[in-house]
Amino acid sequence: MAVGAVQHAGQRQFIIGIAGVSDNDIVIDTEDVSQFDTFELSSTAGAMDVFISHDGTNYNTAARSLTDLGAATTNPVLVTVAGRSYGFRGIVKKIRVRQNGATAVANAVLNLQRHE
């Protein structure tokens, strides 16, 4: 079952997450997103980490590395910081975003897009 409100905008889709309360709360949990290949994630509060599933059932046990889209370097990160945008590319079946730490996640948004 998906967690978050889905909004469509042409070739893009946005998923607005729910507020987190505790460490490891699921703030976004997608349905099938295999038609997209580019993902961008941000929040206004709290830290998050991303887990992916290639088959739609089993999720990786380690967080997906992300690119900090506002950083001067391209070093990958595993945990986000509030107020910044992070991205990754690939074909995956489902995405699960969890709160990382005690600070509540607020206004999490996952932007999905397909590039030809």
PDB file of N, CA and C in Angstrom:
ATOM      1  N   MET A   1       0.841  -1.178   0.000  1.00  0.00           N
ATOM      2  CA  MET A   1       0.000   0.000   0.000  1.00  0.00           C
ATOM      3  C   MET A   1       0.888   1.243   0.000  1.00  0.00           C
ATOM      4  N   ALA A   2       0.577   2.180  -0.837  1.00  0.00           N
ATOM      5  CA  ALA A   2       1.376   3.394  -0.965  1.00  0.00           C
ATOM      6  C   ALA A   2       1.174   4.308   0.244  1.00  0.00           C
ATOM      7  N   VAL A   3       2.231   5.007   0.615  1.00  0.00           N
ATOM      8  CA  VAL A   3       2.175   6.018   1.657  1.00  0.00           C
ATOM      9  C   VAL A   3       2.560   7.329   1.009  1.00  0.00           C
ATOM     10  N   GLY A   4       1.685   8.332   1.088  1.00  0.00           N
ATOM     11  CA  GLY A   4       1.919   9.626   0.468  1.00  0.00           C
ATOM     12  C   GLY A   4       0.877   9.903  -0.591  1.00  0.00           C
ATOM     13  N   ALA A   5       0.645  11.171  -0.879  1.00  0.00           N
ATOM     14  CA  ALA A   5      -0.338  11.591  -1.871  1.00  0.00           C
ATOM     15  C   ALA A   5       0.334  11.782  -3.221  1.00  0.00           C
ATOM     16  N   VAL A   6      -0.203  11.146  -4.259  1.00  0.00           N
ATOM     17  CA  VAL A   6       0.371  11.213  -5.606  1.00  0.00           C
ATOM     18  C   VAL A   6      -0.278  12.351  -6.379  1.00  0.00           C
ATOM     19  N   GLN A   7       0.551  13.165  -7.052  1.00  0.00           N
ATOM     20  CA  GLN A   7       0.071  14.230  -7.925  1.00  0.00           C
ATOM     21  C   GLN A   7       0.766  14.084  -9.268  1.00  0.00           C
ATOM     22  N   HIS A   8      -0.011  14.170 -10.356  1.00  0.00           N
ATOM     23  CA  HIS A   8       0.538  14.046 -11.696  1.00  0.00           C
ATOM     24  C   HIS A   8       0.689  15.427 -12.321  1.00  0.00           C
ATOM     25  N   ALA A   9       1.771  15.606 -13.088  1.00  0.00           N
ATOM     26  CA  ALA A   9       2.021  16.869 -13.789  1.00  0.00           C
ATOM     27  C   ALA A   9       2.728  16.544 -15.097  1.00  0.00           C
ATOM     28  N   GLY A  10       1.960  16.169 -16.117  1.00  0.00           N
ATOM     29  CA  GLY A  10       2.554  15.824 -17.408  1.00  0.00           C
ATOM     30  C   GLY A  10       3.388  14.560 -17.300  1.00  0.00           C
ATOM     31  N   GLN A  11       4.656  14.646 -17.719  1.00  0.00           N
ATOM     32  CA  GLN A  11       5.569  13.503 -17.669  1.00  0.00           C
ATOM     33  C   GLN A  11       6.156  13.278 -16.272  1.00  0.00           C
ATOM     34  N   ARG A  12       5.741  14.084 -15.345  1.00  0.00           N
ATOM     35  CA  ARG A  12       6.255  13.989 -13.981  1.00  0.00           C
ATOM     36  C   ARG A  12       5.183  13.495 -13.028  1.00  0.00           C
ATOM     37  N   GLN A  13       5.648  12.996 -11.925  1.00  0.00           N
ATOM     38  CA  GLN A  13       4.755  12.621 -10.834  1.00  0.00           C
ATOM     39  C   GLN A  13       5.417  13.088  -9.550  1.00  0.00           C
ATOM     40  N   PHE A  14       4.617  13.606  -8.635  1.00  0.00           N
ATOM     41  CA  PHE A  14       5.109  14.038  -7.333  1.00  0.00           C
ATOM     42  C   PHE A  14       4.406  13.213  -6.270  1.00  0.00           C
ATOM     43  N   ILE A  15       5.163  12.778  -5.276  1.00  0.00           N
ATOM     44  CA  ILE A  15       4.565  12.093  -4.140  1.00  0.00           C
ATOM     45  C   ILE A  15       4.862  12.926  -2.907  1.00  0.00           C
ATOM     46  N   ILE A  16       3.794  13.397  -2.271  1.00  0.00           N
ATOM     47  CA  ILE A  16       3.909  14.201  -1.065  1.00  0.00           C
ATOM     48  C   ILE A  16       3.864  13.247   0.124  1.00  0.00           C
ATOM     49  N   GLY A  17       4.934  13.211   0.897  1.00  0.00           N
ATOM     50  CA  GLY A  17       5.031  12.272   2.006  1.00  0.00           C
ATOM     51  C   GLY A  17       4.200  12.673   3.205  1.00  0.00           C
ATOM     52  N   ILE A  18       4.077  11.728   4.126  1.00  0.00           N
ATOM     53  CA  ILE A  18       3.411  12.007   5.391  1.00  0.00           C
ATOM     54  C   ILE A  18       4.470  12.409   6.419  1.00  0.00           C
ATOM     55  N   ALA A  19       4.041  13.028   7.495  1.00  0.00           N
ATOM     56  CA  ALA A  19       4.975  13.464   8.530  1.00  0.00           C
ATOM     57  C   ALA A  19       5.525  12.261   9.288  1.00  0.00           C
ATOM     58  N   GLY A  20       6.804  12.289   9.552  1.00  0.00           N
ATOM     59  CA  GLY A  20       7.418  11.264  10.381  1.00  0.00           C
ATOM     60  C   GLY A  20       7.334  11.658  11.839  1.00  0.00           C
ATOM     61  N   VAL A  21       7.464  10.677  12.716  1.00  0.00           N
ATOM     62  CA  VAL A  21       7.458  10.924  14.157  1.00  0.00           C
ATOM     63  C   VAL A  21       8.706  10.328  14.789  1.00  0.00           C
ATOM     64  N   SER A  22       9.011   9.083  14.427  1.00  0.00           N
ATOM     65  CA  SER A  22      10.101   8.344  15.059  1.00  0.00           C
ATOM     66  C   SER A  22      11.095   7.842  14.021  1.00  0.00           C
ATOM     67  N   ASP A  23      12.279   7.485  14.492  1.00  0.00           N
ATOM     68  CA  ASP A  23      13.304   6.905  13.629  1.00  0.00           C
ATOM     69  C   ASP A  23      12.730   5.700  12.876  1.00  0.00           C
ATOM     70  N   ASN A  24      13.023   5.620  11.596  1.00  0.00           N
ATOM     71  CA  ASN A  24      12.597   4.536  10.699  1.00  0.00           C
ATOM     72  C   ASN A  24      11.131   4.562  10.301  1.00  0.00           C
ATOM     73  N   ASP A  25      10.379   5.606  10.661  1.00  0.00           N
ATOM     74  CA  ASP A  25       9.011   5.740  10.148  1.00  0.00           C
ATOM     75  C   ASP A  25       9.056   5.841   8.628  1.00  0.00           C
ATOM     76  N   ILE A  26       8.107   5.205   7.970  1.00  0.00           N
ATOM     77  CA  ILE A  26       8.003   5.321   6.508  1.00  0.00           C
ATOM     78  C   ILE A  26       7.241   6.605   6.191  1.00  0.00           C
ATOM     79  N   VAL A  27       7.888   7.512   5.466  1.00  0.00           N
ATOM     80  CA  VAL A  27       7.242   8.778   5.101  1.00  0.00           C
ATOM     81  C   VAL A  27       6.767   8.772   3.648  1.00  0.00           C
ATOM     82  N   ILE A  28       7.384   7.949   2.799  1.00  0.00           N
ATOM     83  CA  ILE A  28       6.935   7.748   1.422  1.00  0.00           C
ATOM     84  C   ILE A  28       7.147   6.281   1.086  1.00  0.00           C
ATOM     85  N   ASP A  29       6.131   5.668   0.502  1.00  0.00           N
ATOM     86  CA  ASP A  29       6.207   4.280   0.066  1.00  0.00           C
ATOM     87  C   ASP A  29       5.447   4.205  -1.251  1.00  0.00           C
ATOM     88  N   THR A  30       6.137   3.998  -2.347  1.00  0.00           N
ATOM     89  CA  THR A  30       5.512   4.102  -3.662  1.00  0.00           C
ATOM     90  C   THR A  30       4.864   2.789  -4.104  1.00  0.00           C
ATOM     91  N   GLU A  31       4.003   2.915  -5.079  1.00  0.00           N
ATOM     92  CA  GLU A  31       3.547   1.774  -5.863  1.00  0.00           C
ATOM     93  C   GLU A  31       4.611   1.583  -6.954  1.00  0.00           C
ATOM     94  N   ASP A  32       4.287   0.922  -8.044  1.00  0.00           N
ATOM     95  CA  ASP A  32       5.222   0.673  -9.142  1.00  0.00           C
ATOM     96  C   ASP A  32       5.656   1.993  -9.794  1.00  0.00           C
ATOM     97  N   VAL A  33       6.957   2.265  -9.770  1.00  0.00           N
ATOM     98  CA  VAL A  33       7.506   3.480 -10.387  1.00  0.00           C
ATOM     99  C   VAL A  33       8.488   3.145 -11.511  1.00  0.00           C
ATOM    100  N   SER A  34       8.386   1.932 -12.064  1.00  0.00           N
ATOM    101  CA  SER A  34       9.359   1.485 -13.063  1.00  0.00           C
ATOM    102  C   SER A  34       9.273   2.256 -14.377  1.00  0.00           C
ATOM    103  N   GLN A  35       8.231   3.066 -14.573  1.00  0.00           N
ATOM    104  CA  GLN A  35       8.149   3.880 -15.780  1.00  0.00           C
ATOM    105  C   GLN A  35       8.985   5.162 -15.677  1.00  0.00           C
ATOM    106  N   PHE A  36       9.551   5.404 -14.504  1.00  0.00           N
ATOM    107  CA  PHE A  36      10.394   6.582 -14.273  1.00  0.00           C
ATOM    108  C   PHE A  36      11.848   6.148 -14.097  1.00  0.00           C
ATOM    109  N   ASP A  37      12.785   7.069 -14.367  1.00  0.00           N
ATOM    110  CA  ASP A  37      14.200   6.739 -14.204  1.00  0.00           C
ATOM    111  C   ASP A  37      15.013   7.806 -13.485  1.00  0.00           C
ATOM    112  N   THR A  38      14.373   8.913 -13.121  1.00  0.00           N
ATOM    113  CA  THR A  38      15.067  10.010 -12.447  1.00  0.00           C
ATOM    114  C   THR A  38      14.236  10.427 -11.237  1.00  0.00           C
ATOM    115  N   PHE A  39      14.893  10.523 -10.080  1.00  0.00           N
ATOM    116  CA  PHE A  39      14.184  10.783  -8.833  1.00  0.00           C
ATOM    117  C   PHE A  39      14.881  11.901  -8.058  1.00  0.00           C
ATOM    118  N   GLU A  40      14.073  12.784  -7.468  1.00  0.00           N
ATOM    119  CA  GLU A  40      14.597  13.878  -6.651  1.00  0.00           C
ATOM    120  C   GLU A  40      13.795  13.923  -5.358  1.00  0.00           C
ATOM    121  N   LEU A  41      14.488  14.053  -4.221  1.00  0.00           N
ATOM    122  CA  LEU A  41      13.868  13.990  -2.909  1.00  0.00           C
ATOM    123  C   LEU A  41      14.289  15.189  -2.073  1.00  0.00           C
ATOM    124  N   SER A  42      13.330  15.753  -1.332  1.00  0.00           N
ATOM    125  CA  SER A  42      13.654  16.841  -0.408  1.00  0.00           C
ATOM    126  C   SER A  42      12.649  16.857   0.742  1.00  0.00           C
ATOM    127  N   SER A  43      13.008  17.572   1.797  1.00  0.00           N
ATOM    128  CA  SER A  43      12.106  17.792   2.933  1.00  0.00           C
ATOM    129  C   SER A  43      12.484  19.113   3.583  1.00  0.00           C
ATOM    130  N   THR A  44      11.575  19.651   4.395  1.00  0.00           N
ATOM    131  CA  THR A  44      11.873  20.896   5.097  1.00  0.00           C
ATOM    132  C   THR A  44      12.379  20.653   6.516  1.00  0.00           C
ATOM    133  N   ALA A  45      12.218  19.428   7.010  1.00  0.00           N
ATOM    134  CA  ALA A  45      12.712  19.093   8.356  1.00  0.00           C
ATOM    135  C   ALA A  45      13.008  17.602   8.414  1.00  0.00           C
ATOM    136  N   GLY A  46      13.951  17.241   9.256  1.00  0.00           N
ATOM    137  CA  GLY A  46      14.287  15.840   9.458  1.00  0.00           C
ATOM    138  C   GLY A  46      15.207  15.282   8.391  1.00  0.00           C
ATOM    139  N   ALA A  47      15.773  14.144   8.688  1.00  0.00           N
ATOM    140  CA  ALA A  47      16.674  13.445   7.768  1.00  0.00           C
ATOM    141  C   ALA A  47      15.977  12.189   7.259  1.00  0.00           C
ATOM    142  N   MET A  48      16.335  11.778   6.041  1.00  0.00           N
ATOM    143  CA  MET A  48      15.693  10.615   5.431  1.00  0.00           C
ATOM    144  C   MET A  48      16.738   9.724   4.782  1.00  0.00           C
ATOM    145  N   ASP A  49      16.382   8.446   4.620  1.00  0.00           N
ATOM    146  CA  ASP A  49      17.174   7.556   3.792  1.00  0.00           C
ATOM    147  C   ASP A  49      16.223   6.784   2.879  1.00  0.00           C
ATOM    148  N   VAL A  50      16.755   6.292   1.751  1.00  0.00           N
ATOM    149  CA  VAL A  50      15.959   5.710   0.677  1.00  0.00           C
ATOM    150  C   VAL A  50      16.328   4.239   0.497  1.00  0.00           C
ATOM    151  N   PHE A  51      15.312   3.414   0.374  1.00  0.00           N
ATOM    152  CA  PHE A  51      15.497   1.993   0.097  1.00  0.00           C
ATOM    153  C   PHE A  51      14.727   1.648  -1.164  1.00  0.00           C
ATOM    154  N   ILE A  52      15.326   0.819  -2.026  1.00  0.00           N
ATOM    155  CA  ILE A  52      14.691   0.484  -3.295  1.00  0.00           C
ATOM    156  C   ILE A  52      14.399  -1.009  -3.384  1.00  0.00           C
ATOM    157  N   SER A  53      13.407  -1.331  -4.209  1.00  0.00           N
ATOM    158  CA  SER A  53      13.057  -2.712  -4.490  1.00  0.00           C
ATOM    159  C   SER A  53      13.045  -2.899  -6.002  1.00  0.00           C
ATOM    160  N   HIS A  54      13.743  -3.901  -6.477  1.00  0.00           N
ATOM    161  CA  HIS A  54      13.751  -4.192  -7.910  1.00  0.00           C
ATOM    162  C   HIS A  54      12.621  -5.135  -8.314  1.00  0.00           C
ATOM    163  N   ASP A  55      12.101  -5.903  -7.354  1.00  0.00           N
ATOM    164  CA  ASP A  55      11.042  -6.856  -7.680  1.00  0.00           C
ATOM    165  C   ASP A  55       9.677  -6.456  -7.123  1.00  0.00           C
ATOM    166  N   GLY A  56       9.612  -5.365  -6.356  1.00  0.00           N
ATOM    167  CA  GLY A  56       8.354  -4.900  -5.797  1.00  0.00           C
ATOM    168  C   GLY A  56       8.000  -5.517  -4.453  1.00  0.00           C
ATOM    169  N   THR A  57       8.830  -6.431  -3.967  1.00  0.00           N
ATOM    170  CA  THR A  57       8.559  -7.111  -2.696  1.00  0.00           C
ATOM    171  C   THR A  57       9.709  -6.964  -1.713  1.00  0.00           C
ATOM    172  N   ASN A  58      10.909  -7.246  -2.176  1.00  0.00           N
ATOM    173  CA  ASN A  58      12.096  -7.236  -1.323  1.00  0.00           C
ATOM    174  C   ASN A  58      12.860  -5.922  -1.493  1.00  0.00           C
ATOM    175  N   TYR A  59      13.138  -5.266  -0.373  1.00  0.00           N
ATOM    176  CA  TYR A  59      13.876  -4.001  -0.397  1.00  0.00           C
ATOM    177  C   TYR A  59      15.335  -4.239  -0.010  1.00  0.00           C
ATOM    178  N   ASN A  60      16.224  -3.453  -0.582  1.00  0.00           N
ATOM    179  CA  ASN A  60      17.626  -3.513  -0.189  1.00  0.00           C
ATOM    180  C   ASN A  60      17.724  -3.262   1.315  1.00  0.00           C
ATOM    181  N   THR A  61      18.695  -3.887   1.956  1.00  0.00           N
ATOM    182  CA  THR A  61      18.877  -3.686   3.391  1.00  0.00           C
ATOM    183  C   THR A  61      19.756  -2.483   3.693  1.00  0.00           C
ATOM    184  N   ALA A  62      20.480  -1.999   2.710  1.00  0.00           N
ATOM    185  CA  ALA A  62      21.307  -0.798   2.865  1.00  0.00           C
ATOM    186  C   ALA A  62      20.649   0.353   2.110  1.00  0.00           C
ATOM    187  N   ALA A  63      20.745   1.543   2.662  1.00  0.00           N
ATOM    188  CA  ALA A  63      20.164   2.723   2.019  1.00  0.00           C
ATOM    189  C   ALA A  63      20.824   2.997   0.672  1.00  0.00           C
ATOM    190  N   ARG A  64      20.067   3.527  -0.245  1.00  0.00           N
ATOM    191  CA  ARG A  64      20.537   3.892  -1.582  1.00  0.00           C
ATOM    192  C   ARG A  64      21.393   5.145  -1.466  1.00  0.00           C
ATOM    193  N   SER A  65      22.527   5.170  -2.146  1.00  0.00           N
ATOM    194  CA  SER A  65      23.334   6.391  -2.141  1.00  0.00           C
ATOM    195  C   SER A  65      22.661   7.421  -3.045  1.00  0.00           C
ATOM    196  N   LEU A  66      22.758   8.662  -2.621  1.00  0.00           N
ATOM    197  CA  LEU A  66      22.105   9.775  -3.308  1.00  0.00           C
ATOM    198  C   LEU A  66      23.126  10.833  -3.666  1.00  0.00           C
ATOM    199  N   THR A  67      22.819  11.614  -4.677  1.00  0.00           N
ATOM    200  CA  THR A  67      23.639  12.760  -5.035  1.00  0.00           C
ATOM    201  C   THR A  67      23.033  14.005  -4.414  1.00  0.00           C
ATOM    202  N   ASP A  68      23.835  14.756  -3.666  1.00  0.00           N
ATOM    203  CA  ASP A  68      23.383  16.029  -3.102  1.00  0.00           C
ATOM    204  C   ASP A  68      23.406  17.044  -4.241  1.00  0.00           C
ATOM    205  N   LEU A  69      22.226  17.456  -4.703  1.00  0.00           N
ATOM    206  CA  LEU A  69      22.137  18.307  -5.890  1.00  0.00           C
ATOM    207  C   LEU A  69      22.548  19.754  -5.639  1.00  0.00           C
ATOM    208  N   GLY A  70      22.817  20.099  -4.380  1.00  0.00           N
ATOM    209  CA  GLY A  70      23.266  21.449  -4.073  1.00  0.00           C
ATOM    210  C   GLY A  70      24.717  21.519  -3.644  1.00  0.00           C
ATOM    211  N   ALA A  71      25.404  20.382  -3.656  1.00  0.00           N
ATOM    212  CA  ALA A  71      26.788  20.336  -3.179  1.00  0.00           C
ATOM    213  C   ALA A  71      27.770  20.691  -4.290  1.00  0.00           C
ATOM    214  N   ALA A  72      28.916  21.194  -3.896  1.00  0.00           N
ATOM    215  CA  ALA A  72      29.972  21.522  -4.855  1.00  0.00           C
ATOM    216  C   ALA A  72      30.716  20.269  -5.305  1.00  0.00           C
ATOM    217  N   THR A  73      30.654  19.206  -4.509  1.00  0.00           N
ATOM    218  CA  THR A  73      31.307  17.950  -4.874  1.00  0.00           C
ATOM    219  C   THR A  73      30.240  16.918  -5.236  1.00  0.00           C
ATOM    220  N   THR A  74      30.655  15.824  -5.803  1.00  0.00           N
ATOM    221  CA  THR A  74      29.696  14.785  -6.191  1.00  0.00           C
ATOM    222  C   THR A  74      29.785  13.560  -5.295  1.00  0.00           C
ATOM    223  N   ASN A  75      30.280  13.731  -4.081  1.00  0.00           N
ATOM    224  CA  ASN A  75      30.357  12.604  -3.154  1.00  0.00           C
ATOM    225  C   ASN A  75      28.955  12.123  -2.806  1.00  0.00           C
ATOM    226  N   PRO A  76      28.697  10.823  -2.909  1.00  0.00           N
ATOM    227  CA  PRO A  76      27.365  10.316  -2.573  1.00  0.00           C
ATOM    228  C   PRO A  76      27.100  10.388  -1.073  1.00  0.00           C
ATOM    229  N   VAL A  77      25.816  10.506  -0.726  1.00  0.00           N
ATOM    230  CA  VAL A  77      25.394  10.519   0.673  1.00  0.00           C
ATOM    231  C   VAL A  77      24.347   9.430   0.877  1.00  0.00           C
ATOM    232  N   LEU A  78      24.231   8.940   2.093  1.00  0.00           N
ATOM    233  CA  LEU A  78      23.228   7.930   2.422  1.00  0.00           C
ATOM    234  C   LEU A  78      22.049   8.519   3.177  1.00  0.00           C
ATOM    235  N   VAL A  79      22.257   9.639   3.859  1.00  0.00           N
ATOM    236  CA  VAL A  79      21.216  10.269   4.663  1.00  0.00           C
ATOM    237  C   VAL A  79      21.077  11.729   4.229  1.00  0.00           C
ATOM    238  N   THR A  80      19.837  12.162   4.030  1.00  0.00           N
ATOM    239  CA  THR A  80      19.593  13.535   3.591  1.00  0.00           C
ATOM    240  C   THR A  80      19.673  14.510   4.762  1.00  0.00           C
ATOM    241  N   VAL A  81      19.748  15.791   4.429  1.00  0.00           N
ATOM    242  CA  VAL A  81      19.674  16.886   5.381  1.00  0.00           C
ATOM    243  C   VAL A  81      18.493  17.748   4.939  1.00  0.00           C
ATOM    244  N   ALA A  82      17.725  18.247   5.890  1.00  0.00           N
ATOM    245  CA  ALA A  82      16.561  19.076   5.563  1.00  0.00           C
ATOM    246  C   ALA A  82      16.962  20.307   4.763  1.00  0.00           C
ATOM    247  N   GLY A  83      16.098  20.702   3.848  1.00  0.00           N
ATOM    248  CA  GLY A  83      16.312  21.923   3.086  1.00  0.00           C
ATOM    249  C   GLY A  83      17.190  21.763   1.856  1.00  0.00           C
ATOM    250  N   ARG A  84      17.590  20.553   1.526  1.00  0.00           N
ATOM    251  CA  ARG A  84      18.426  20.302   0.350  1.00  0.00           C
ATOM    252  C   ARG A  84      17.703  19.312  -0.557  1.00  0.00           C
ATOM    253  N   SER A  85      18.127  19.246  -1.809  1.00  0.00           N
ATOM    254  CA  SER A  85      17.563  18.298  -2.766  1.00  0.00           C
ATOM    255  C   SER A  85      18.586  17.221  -3.083  1.00  0.00           C
ATOM    256  N   TYR A  86      18.109  15.994  -3.199  1.00  0.00           N
ATOM    257  CA  TYR A  86      18.954  14.835  -3.470  1.00  0.00           C
ATOM    258  C   TYR A  86      18.357  14.070  -4.642  1.00  0.00           C
ATOM    259  N   GLY A  87      19.213  13.453  -5.441  1.00  0.00           N
ATOM    260  CA  GLY A  87      18.712  12.730  -6.589  1.00  0.00           C
ATOM    261  C   GLY A  87      19.409  11.411  -6.807  1.00  0.00           C
ATOM    262  N   PHE A  88      18.751  10.567  -7.606  1.00  0.00           N
ATOM    263  CA  PHE A  88      19.366   9.338  -8.099  1.00  0.00           C
ATOM    264  C   PHE A  88      18.644   8.917  -9.359  1.00  0.00           C
ATOM    265  N   ARG A  89      19.317   8.096 -10.145  1.00  0.00           N
ATOM    266  CA  ARG A  89      18.750   7.580 -11.393  1.00  0.00           C
ATOM    267  C   ARG A  89      18.758   6.072 -11.357  1.00  0.00           C
ATOM    268  N   GLY A  90      17.862   5.472 -12.114  1.00  0.00           N
ATOM    269  CA  GLY A  90      17.805   4.030 -12.230  1.00  0.00           C
ATOM    270  C   GLY A  90      16.385   3.571 -12.502  1.00  0.00           C
ATOM    271  N   ILE A  91      16.256   2.312 -12.831  1.00  0.00           N
ATOM    272  CA  ILE A  91      14.943   1.707 -13.013  1.00  0.00           C
ATOM    273  C   ILE A  91      14.700   0.796 -11.810  1.00  0.00           C
ATOM    274  N   VAL A  92      13.729   1.143 -11.008  1.00  0.00           N
ATOM    275  CA  VAL A  92      13.373   0.373  -9.826  1.00  0.00           C
ATOM    276  C   VAL A  92      11.865   0.147  -9.824  1.00  0.00           C
ATOM    277  N   LYS A  93      11.431  -0.843  -9.086  1.00  0.00           N
ATOM    278  CA  LYS A  93       9.998  -1.147  -9.011  1.00  0.00           C
ATOM    279  C   LYS A  93       9.299  -0.285  -7.961  1.00  0.00           C
ATOM    280  N   LYS A  94       9.912  -0.195  -6.771  1.00  0.00           N
ATOM    281  CA  LYS A  94       9.310   0.581  -5.685  1.00  0.00           C
ATOM    282  C   LYS A  94      10.390   1.318  -4.899  1.00  0.00           C
ATOM    283  N   ILE A  95       9.978   2.405  -4.253  1.00  0.00           N
ATOM    284  CA  ILE A  95      10.872   3.218  -3.431  1.00  0.00           C
ATOM    285  C   ILE A  95      10.230   3.396  -2.063  1.00  0.00           C
ATOM    286  N   ARG A  96      11.037   3.220  -1.036  1.00  0.00           N
ATOM    287  CA  ARG A  96      10.581   3.447   0.345  1.00  0.00           C
ATOM    288  C   ARG A  96      11.521   4.463   0.980  1.00  0.00           C
ATOM    289  N   VAL A  97      10.937   5.530   1.516  1.00  0.00           N
ATOM    290  CA  VAL A  97      11.715   6.586   2.169  1.00  0.00           C
ATOM    291  C   VAL A  97      11.384   6.547   3.662  1.00  0.00           C
ATOM    292  N   ARG A  98      12.413   6.449   4.477  1.00  0.00           N
ATOM    293  CA  ARG A  98      12.244   6.374   5.933  1.00  0.00           C
ATOM    294  C   ARG A  98      12.867   7.584   6.620  1.00  0.00           C
ATOM    295  N   GLN A  99      12.277   7.958   7.734  1.00  0.00           N
ATOM    296  CA  GLN A  99      12.890   8.970   8.589  1.00  0.00           C
ATOM    297  C   GLN A  99      14.149   8.379   9.184  1.00  0.00           C
ATOM    298  N   ASN A 100      15.209   9.181   9.244  1.00  0.00           N
ATOM    299  CA  ASN A 100      16.461   8.744   9.845  1.00  0.00           C
ATOM    300  C   ASN A 100      16.742   9.633  11.047  1.00  0.00           C
ATOM    301  N   GLY A 101      16.582   9.085  12.245  1.00  0.00           N
ATOM    302  CA  GLY A 101      16.842   9.856  13.459  1.00  0.00           C
ATOM    303  C   GLY A 101      15.558  10.313  14.131  1.00  0.00           C
ATOM    304  N   ALA A 102      15.715  11.033  15.228  1.00  0.00           N
ATOM    305  CA  ALA A 102      14.574  11.428  16.060  1.00  0.00           C
ATOM    306  C   ALA A 102      13.850  12.670  15.559  1.00  0.00           C
ATOM    307  N   THR A 103      14.514  13.508  14.767  1.00  0.00           N
ATOM    308  CA  THR A 103      13.864  14.731  14.275  1.00  0.00           C
ATOM    309  C   THR A 103      12.819  14.378  13.233  1.00  0.00           C
ATOM    310  N   ALA A 104      11.603  14.819  13.456  1.00  0.00           N
ATOM    311  CA  ALA A 104      10.480  14.474  12.578  1.00  0.00           C
ATOM    312  C   ALA A 104      10.688  15.014  11.162  1.00  0.00           C
ATOM    313  N   VAL A 105      10.411  14.172  10.167  1.00  0.00           N
ATOM    314  CA  VAL A 105      10.436  14.603   8.769  1.00  0.00           C
ATOM    315  C   VAL A 105       9.161  15.382   8.481  1.00  0.00           C
ATOM    316  N   ALA A 106       9.306  16.510   7.795  1.00  0.00           N
ATOM    317  CA  ALA A 106       8.150  17.319   7.394  1.00  0.00           C
ATOM    318  C   ALA A 106       8.278  17.693   5.929  1.00  0.00           C
ATOM    319  N   ASN A 107       7.155  17.708   5.243  1.00  0.00           N
ATOM    320  CA  ASN A 107       7.062  18.166   3.851  1.00  0.00           C
ATOM    321  C   ASN A 107       8.003  17.425   2.910  1.00  0.00           C
ATOM    322  N   ALA A 108       8.080  16.125   3.073  1.00  0.00           N
ATOM    323  CA  ALA A 108       8.898  15.321   2.160  1.00  0.00           C
ATOM    324  C   ALA A 108       8.202  15.249   0.803  1.00  0.00           C
ATOM    325  N   VAL A 109       8.980  15.422  -0.260  1.00  0.00           N
ATOM    326  CA  VAL A 109       8.462  15.345  -1.621  1.00  0.00           C
ATOM    327  C   VAL A 109       9.420  14.511  -2.454  1.00  0.00           C
ATOM    328  N   LEU A 110       8.858  13.543  -3.186  1.00  0.00           N
ATOM    329  CA  LEU A 110       9.616  12.741  -4.136  1.00  0.00           C
ATOM    330  C   LEU A 110       9.114  13.090  -5.528  1.00  0.00           C
ATOM    331  N   ASN A 111      10.022  13.594  -6.364  1.00  0.00           N
ATOM    332  CA  ASN A 111       9.715  13.979  -7.747  1.00  0.00           C
ATOM    333  C   ASN A 111      10.211  12.861  -8.640  1.00  0.00           C
ATOM    334  N   LEU A 112       9.350  12.324  -9.498  1.00  0.00           N
ATOM    335  CA  LEU A 112       9.701  11.237 -10.402  1.00  0.00           C
ATOM    336  C   LEU A 112       9.560  11.725 -11.839  1.00  0.00           C
ATOM    337  N   GLN A 113      10.530  11.406 -12.679  1.00  0.00           N
ATOM    338  CA  GLN A 113      10.496  11.851 -14.067  1.00  0.00           C
ATOM    339  C   GLN A 113      11.137  10.810 -14.964  1.00  0.00           C
ATOM    340  N   ARG A 114      10.708  10.773 -16.208  1.00  0.00           N
ATOM    341  CA  ARG A 114      11.295   9.865 -17.201  1.00  0.00           C
ATOM    342  C   ARG A 114      12.055  10.675 -18.232  1.00  0.00           C
ATOM    343  N   HIS A 115      13.328  10.331 -18.428  1.00  0.00           N
ATOM    344  CA  HIS A 115      14.137  10.965 -19.466  1.00  0.00           C
ATOM    345  C   HIS A 115      14.344   9.954 -20.577  1.00  0.00           C
ATOM    346  N   GLU A 116      14.144  10.377 -21.769  1.00  0.00           N
ATOM    347  CA  GLU A 116      14.312   9.488 -22.943  1.00  0.00           C
ATOM    348  C   GLU A 116      15.758   9.500 -23.402  1.00  0.00           C
TER     349      GLU A 116
END
